[in-house]
Amino acid sequence: MNIVRTPSVAQIGISVELLDSLAQQTPVGSAAVSSVDSFTQFTQKMLDNFYNFASSFAVSQAQMTPSPSEMFIPANVVLKWYENFQRRLAQNPLFWKT
């Protein structure tokens, strides 16, 4: 059974806003107060979503079809980035500003 795979393109965007402009935005009326900073919560959810998305494309080396025009990133590299980002976020939620 031959499965034809069409190339997929994914784009991830992050908007960086000044804290002053975020403070001027009106919050959703039904929003609940969280003990976790909303930026930290957003970042954690984004991180989880990216890892889950990237992992959904994982295949074993035996399942890979050679494709010289495509680059592959090993799943353990994505996992290491995920764990490092999570650790740094827990230590300092604003680490990305340095």
N, C-alpha and C. Protein backbone atom coordinates (compact mmCIF):
# COMPACT_ATOMS: atom_id res chain seq x y z
N MET A 1 0.84 -1.18 0.00
CA MET A 1 0.00 0.00 0.00
C MET A 1 0.89 1.25 0.00
N ASN A 2 0.84 2.03 -1.03
CA ASN A 2 1.63 3.25 -1.12
C ASN A 2 0.82 4.44 -0.65
N ILE A 3 1.36 5.15 0.30
CA ILE A 3 0.72 6.35 0.81
C ILE A 3 1.51 7.54 0.29
N VAL A 4 0.84 8.41 -0.43
CA VAL A 4 1.49 9.60 -0.96
C VAL A 4 1.35 10.71 0.06
N ARG A 5 2.46 11.26 0.46
CA ARG A 5 2.45 12.36 1.43
C ARG A 5 2.69 13.66 0.68
N THR A 6 1.81 14.61 0.92
CA THR A 6 2.03 15.92 0.35
C THR A 6 2.77 16.76 1.38
N PRO A 7 3.65 17.62 0.92
CA PRO A 7 4.40 18.44 1.88
C PRO A 7 3.47 19.36 2.67
N SER A 8 3.76 19.51 3.93
CA SER A 8 2.99 20.38 4.80
C SER A 8 3.89 21.51 5.27
N VAL A 9 3.31 22.66 5.42
CA VAL A 9 4.05 23.81 5.92
C VAL A 9 3.33 24.30 7.16
N ALA A 10 4.08 24.54 8.21
CA ALA A 10 3.51 25.06 9.45
C ALA A 10 4.25 26.33 9.82
N GLN A 11 3.49 27.26 10.35
CA GLN A 11 4.10 28.52 10.78
C GLN A 11 3.59 28.81 12.18
N ILE A 12 4.52 29.13 13.06
CA ILE A 12 4.17 29.46 14.43
C ILE A 12 4.48 30.92 14.64
N GLY A 13 3.52 31.65 15.16
CA GLY A 13 3.73 33.07 15.39
C GLY A 13 3.56 33.42 16.85
N ILE A 14 4.37 34.34 17.29
CA ILE A 14 4.29 34.83 18.66
C ILE A 14 4.30 36.35 18.58
N SER A 15 3.34 36.95 19.24
CA SER A 15 3.28 38.40 19.27
C SER A 15 3.90 38.88 20.57
N VAL A 16 4.85 39.77 20.46
CA VAL A 16 5.51 40.33 21.64
C VAL A 16 4.95 41.74 21.83
N GLU A 17 4.31 41.96 22.95
CA GLU A 17 3.67 43.24 23.24
C GLU A 17 4.31 43.87 24.47
N LEU A 18 4.30 45.17 24.52
CA LEU A 18 4.76 45.87 25.71
C LEU A 18 3.78 45.64 26.84
N LEU A 19 4.29 45.52 28.07
CA LEU A 19 3.42 45.30 29.23
C LEU A 19 2.41 46.44 29.38
N ASP A 20 2.83 47.67 29.06
CA ASP A 20 1.93 48.81 29.16
C ASP A 20 0.73 48.67 28.23
N SER A 21 0.95 48.19 27.02
CA SER A 21 -0.17 48.04 26.08
C SER A 21 -1.08 46.90 26.50
N LEU A 22 -0.52 45.85 27.09
CA LEU A 22 -1.35 44.74 27.58
C LEU A 22 -2.21 45.18 28.76
N ALA A 23 -1.66 46.05 29.60
CA ALA A 23 -2.41 46.52 30.77
C ALA A 23 -3.61 47.35 30.36
N GLN A 24 -3.57 47.96 29.18
CA GLN A 24 -4.68 48.80 28.72
C GLN A 24 -5.79 48.00 28.07
N GLN A 25 -5.56 46.74 27.78
CA GLN A 25 -6.58 45.92 27.15
C GLN A 25 -7.64 45.51 28.17
N THR A 26 -8.86 45.38 27.70
CA THR A 26 -9.98 44.99 28.56
C THR A 26 -10.02 43.48 28.68
N PRO A 27 -9.99 42.97 29.91
CA PRO A 27 -10.04 41.52 30.07
C PRO A 27 -11.45 40.99 29.80
N VAL A 28 -11.55 39.72 29.49
CA VAL A 28 -12.84 39.07 29.27
C VAL A 28 -13.60 39.07 30.59
N GLY A 29 -14.88 39.41 30.53
CA GLY A 29 -15.69 39.52 31.75
C GLY A 29 -15.80 38.22 32.53
N SER A 30 -15.82 37.09 31.85
CA SER A 30 -15.97 35.81 32.54
C SER A 30 -14.64 35.17 32.92
N ALA A 31 -13.54 35.89 32.73
CA ALA A 31 -12.22 35.34 33.03
C ALA A 31 -12.06 35.15 34.53
N ALA A 32 -11.52 34.02 34.89
CA ALA A 32 -11.28 33.71 36.30
C ALA A 32 -9.85 34.12 36.67
N VAL A 33 -9.69 34.54 37.89
CA VAL A 33 -8.36 34.92 38.38
C VAL A 33 -7.58 33.65 38.65
N SER A 34 -6.35 33.63 38.18
CA SER A 34 -5.50 32.47 38.35
C SER A 34 -4.34 32.84 39.26
N SER A 35 -3.87 31.85 40.00
CA SER A 35 -2.71 32.09 40.85
C SER A 35 -1.42 32.11 40.03
N VAL A 36 -1.50 31.64 38.78
CA VAL A 36 -0.35 31.63 37.90
C VAL A 36 -0.44 32.86 37.00
N ASP A 37 0.66 33.55 36.85
CA ASP A 37 0.74 34.70 35.96
C ASP A 37 0.21 34.28 34.58
N SER A 38 -0.64 35.12 33.97
CA SER A 38 -1.25 34.75 32.69
C SER A 38 -0.20 34.58 31.60
N PHE A 39 0.87 35.35 31.65
CA PHE A 39 1.94 35.18 30.67
C PHE A 39 2.58 33.81 30.82
N THR A 40 2.85 33.42 32.05
CA THR A 40 3.46 32.10 32.30
C THR A 40 2.51 31.00 31.86
N GLN A 41 1.23 31.17 32.16
CA GLN A 41 0.23 30.18 31.77
C GLN A 41 0.15 30.07 30.24
N PHE A 42 0.12 31.21 29.55
CA PHE A 42 0.10 31.20 28.09
C PHE A 42 1.34 30.50 27.54
N THR A 43 2.49 30.86 28.07
CA THR A 43 3.75 30.30 27.58
C THR A 43 3.77 28.78 27.78
N GLN A 44 3.30 28.33 28.93
CA GLN A 44 3.26 26.89 29.20
C GLN A 44 2.32 26.18 28.22
N LYS A 45 1.17 26.75 27.98
CA LYS A 45 0.21 26.14 27.04
C LYS A 45 0.78 26.13 25.62
N MET A 46 1.44 27.23 25.22
CA MET A 46 2.04 27.30 23.90
C MET A 46 3.14 26.24 23.77
N LEU A 47 3.95 26.10 24.80
CA LEU A 47 5.02 25.12 24.82
C LEU A 47 4.47 23.70 24.70
N ASP A 48 3.45 23.40 25.49
CA ASP A 48 2.81 22.08 25.42
C ASP A 48 2.22 21.83 24.03
N ASN A 49 1.55 22.84 23.48
CA ASN A 49 0.92 22.71 22.18
C ASN A 49 1.96 22.46 21.10
N PHE A 50 3.07 23.22 21.12
CA PHE A 50 4.12 23.02 20.12
C PHE A 50 4.71 21.61 20.23
N TYR A 51 5.02 21.18 21.45
CA TYR A 51 5.61 19.85 21.62
C TYR A 51 4.65 18.77 21.11
N ASN A 52 3.37 18.88 21.49
CA ASN A 52 2.39 17.88 21.04
C ASN A 52 2.25 17.90 19.52
N PHE A 53 2.23 19.09 18.93
CA PHE A 53 2.12 19.21 17.48
C PHE A 53 3.33 18.57 16.80
N ALA A 54 4.52 18.95 17.23
CA ALA A 54 5.73 18.41 16.61
C ALA A 54 5.82 16.90 16.80
N SER A 55 5.42 16.42 17.98
CA SER A 55 5.49 14.98 18.26
C SER A 55 4.49 14.18 17.43
N SER A 56 3.42 14.82 17.00
CA SER A 56 2.41 14.10 16.22
C SER A 56 2.95 13.67 14.85
N PHE A 57 4.06 14.26 14.41
CA PHE A 57 4.66 13.90 13.14
C PHE A 57 5.80 12.90 13.29
N ALA A 58 6.04 12.44 14.49
CA ALA A 58 7.17 11.54 14.74
C ALA A 58 6.98 10.20 14.03
N VAL A 59 8.06 9.75 13.43
CA VAL A 59 8.10 8.43 12.81
C VAL A 59 9.44 7.81 13.19
N SER A 60 9.49 6.50 13.18
CA SER A 60 10.77 5.84 13.47
C SER A 60 11.67 5.98 12.25
N GLN A 61 12.94 5.75 12.45
CA GLN A 61 13.89 5.87 11.34
C GLN A 61 13.55 4.86 10.24
N ALA A 62 13.03 3.70 10.63
CA ALA A 62 12.66 2.68 9.64
C ALA A 62 11.47 3.14 8.79
N GLN A 63 10.62 4.00 9.35
CA GLN A 63 9.44 4.47 8.63
C GLN A 63 9.74 5.66 7.72
N MET A 64 10.91 6.26 7.89
CA MET A 64 11.24 7.46 7.13
C MET A 64 11.50 7.12 5.66
N THR A 65 11.00 7.97 4.80
CA THR A 65 11.26 7.86 3.38
C THR A 65 12.34 8.89 3.04
N PRO A 66 13.43 8.48 2.41
CA PRO A 66 14.47 9.46 2.08
C PRO A 66 13.90 10.59 1.23
N SER A 67 14.19 11.79 1.64
CA SER A 67 13.73 12.97 0.92
C SER A 67 14.81 14.04 1.05
N PRO A 68 15.70 14.12 0.08
CA PRO A 68 16.85 15.03 0.18
C PRO A 68 16.46 16.50 0.32
N SER A 69 15.26 16.87 -0.08
CA SER A 69 14.87 18.28 -0.02
C SER A 69 14.27 18.67 1.33
N GLU A 70 14.08 17.71 2.22
CA GLU A 70 13.49 18.01 3.53
C GLU A 70 14.52 17.83 4.63
N MET A 71 14.37 18.65 5.68
CA MET A 71 15.23 18.53 6.85
C MET A 71 14.42 17.87 7.96
N PHE A 72 15.06 17.03 8.75
CA PHE A 72 14.39 16.36 9.85
C PHE A 72 15.06 16.73 11.16
N ILE A 73 14.26 16.96 12.17
CA ILE A 73 14.76 17.29 13.49
C ILE A 73 14.43 16.09 14.39
N PRO A 74 15.42 15.48 15.01
CA PRO A 74 15.16 14.34 15.88
C PRO A 74 14.21 14.72 17.03
N ALA A 75 13.29 13.84 17.36
CA ALA A 75 12.31 14.11 18.41
C ALA A 75 12.98 14.40 19.75
N ASN A 76 14.14 13.76 20.02
CA ASN A 76 14.80 14.01 21.30
C ASN A 76 15.34 15.44 21.39
N VAL A 77 15.62 16.07 20.24
CA VAL A 77 16.07 17.46 20.24
C VAL A 77 14.91 18.37 20.63
N VAL A 78 13.73 18.11 20.08
CA VAL A 78 12.54 18.89 20.43
C VAL A 78 12.22 18.70 21.91
N LEU A 79 12.32 17.46 22.40
CA LEU A 79 12.05 17.19 23.81
C LEU A 79 13.04 17.92 24.71
N LYS A 80 14.31 17.92 24.33
CA LYS A 80 15.33 18.61 25.14
C LYS A 80 15.04 20.11 25.17
N TRP A 81 14.68 20.70 24.03
CA TRP A 81 14.33 22.12 23.98
C TRP A 81 13.12 22.39 24.88
N TYR A 82 12.12 21.54 24.80
CA TYR A 82 10.90 21.66 25.60
C TYR A 82 11.24 21.64 27.10
N GLU A 83 12.04 20.68 27.51
CA GLU A 83 12.40 20.57 28.93
C GLU A 83 13.24 21.76 29.40
N ASN A 84 14.19 22.20 28.57
CA ASN A 84 15.01 23.36 28.94
C ASN A 84 14.17 24.62 29.03
N PHE A 85 13.27 24.82 28.10
CA PHE A 85 12.41 26.01 28.11
C PHE A 85 11.53 25.99 29.35
N GLN A 86 10.96 24.84 29.66
CA GLN A 86 10.11 24.69 30.84
C GLN A 86 10.89 25.00 32.12
N ARG A 87 12.09 24.48 32.21
CA ARG A 87 12.92 24.71 33.39
C ARG A 87 13.25 26.19 33.54
N ARG A 88 13.65 26.82 32.45
CA ARG A 88 14.00 28.25 32.50
C ARG A 88 12.78 29.11 32.82
N LEU A 89 11.63 28.73 32.30
CA LEU A 89 10.40 29.47 32.58
C LEU A 89 10.04 29.38 34.06
N ALA A 90 10.24 28.19 34.65
CA ALA A 90 9.95 28.01 36.08
C ALA A 90 10.90 28.84 36.94
N GLN A 91 12.15 28.94 36.52
CA GLN A 91 13.14 29.70 37.29
C GLN A 91 12.91 31.21 37.18
N ASN A 92 12.57 31.67 35.97
CA ASN A 92 12.40 33.10 35.73
C ASN A 92 11.47 33.28 34.53
N PRO A 93 10.19 33.62 34.77
CA PRO A 93 9.25 33.77 33.66
C PRO A 93 9.64 34.81 32.63
N LEU A 94 10.55 35.70 32.97
CA LEU A 94 10.96 36.74 32.03
C LEU A 94 12.37 36.49 31.47
N PHE A 95 12.83 35.22 31.51
CA PHE A 95 14.18 34.91 31.06
C PHE A 95 14.42 35.30 29.61
N TRP A 96 13.40 35.30 28.82
CA TRP A 96 13.52 35.56 27.38
C TRP A 96 13.89 37.03 27.11
N LYS A 97 13.78 37.90 28.11
CA LYS A 97 14.10 39.31 27.92
C LYS A 97 15.60 39.58 27.99
N THR A 98 16.38 38.62 28.50
CA THR A 98 17.82 38.85 28.64
C THR A 98 18.57 38.43 27.39
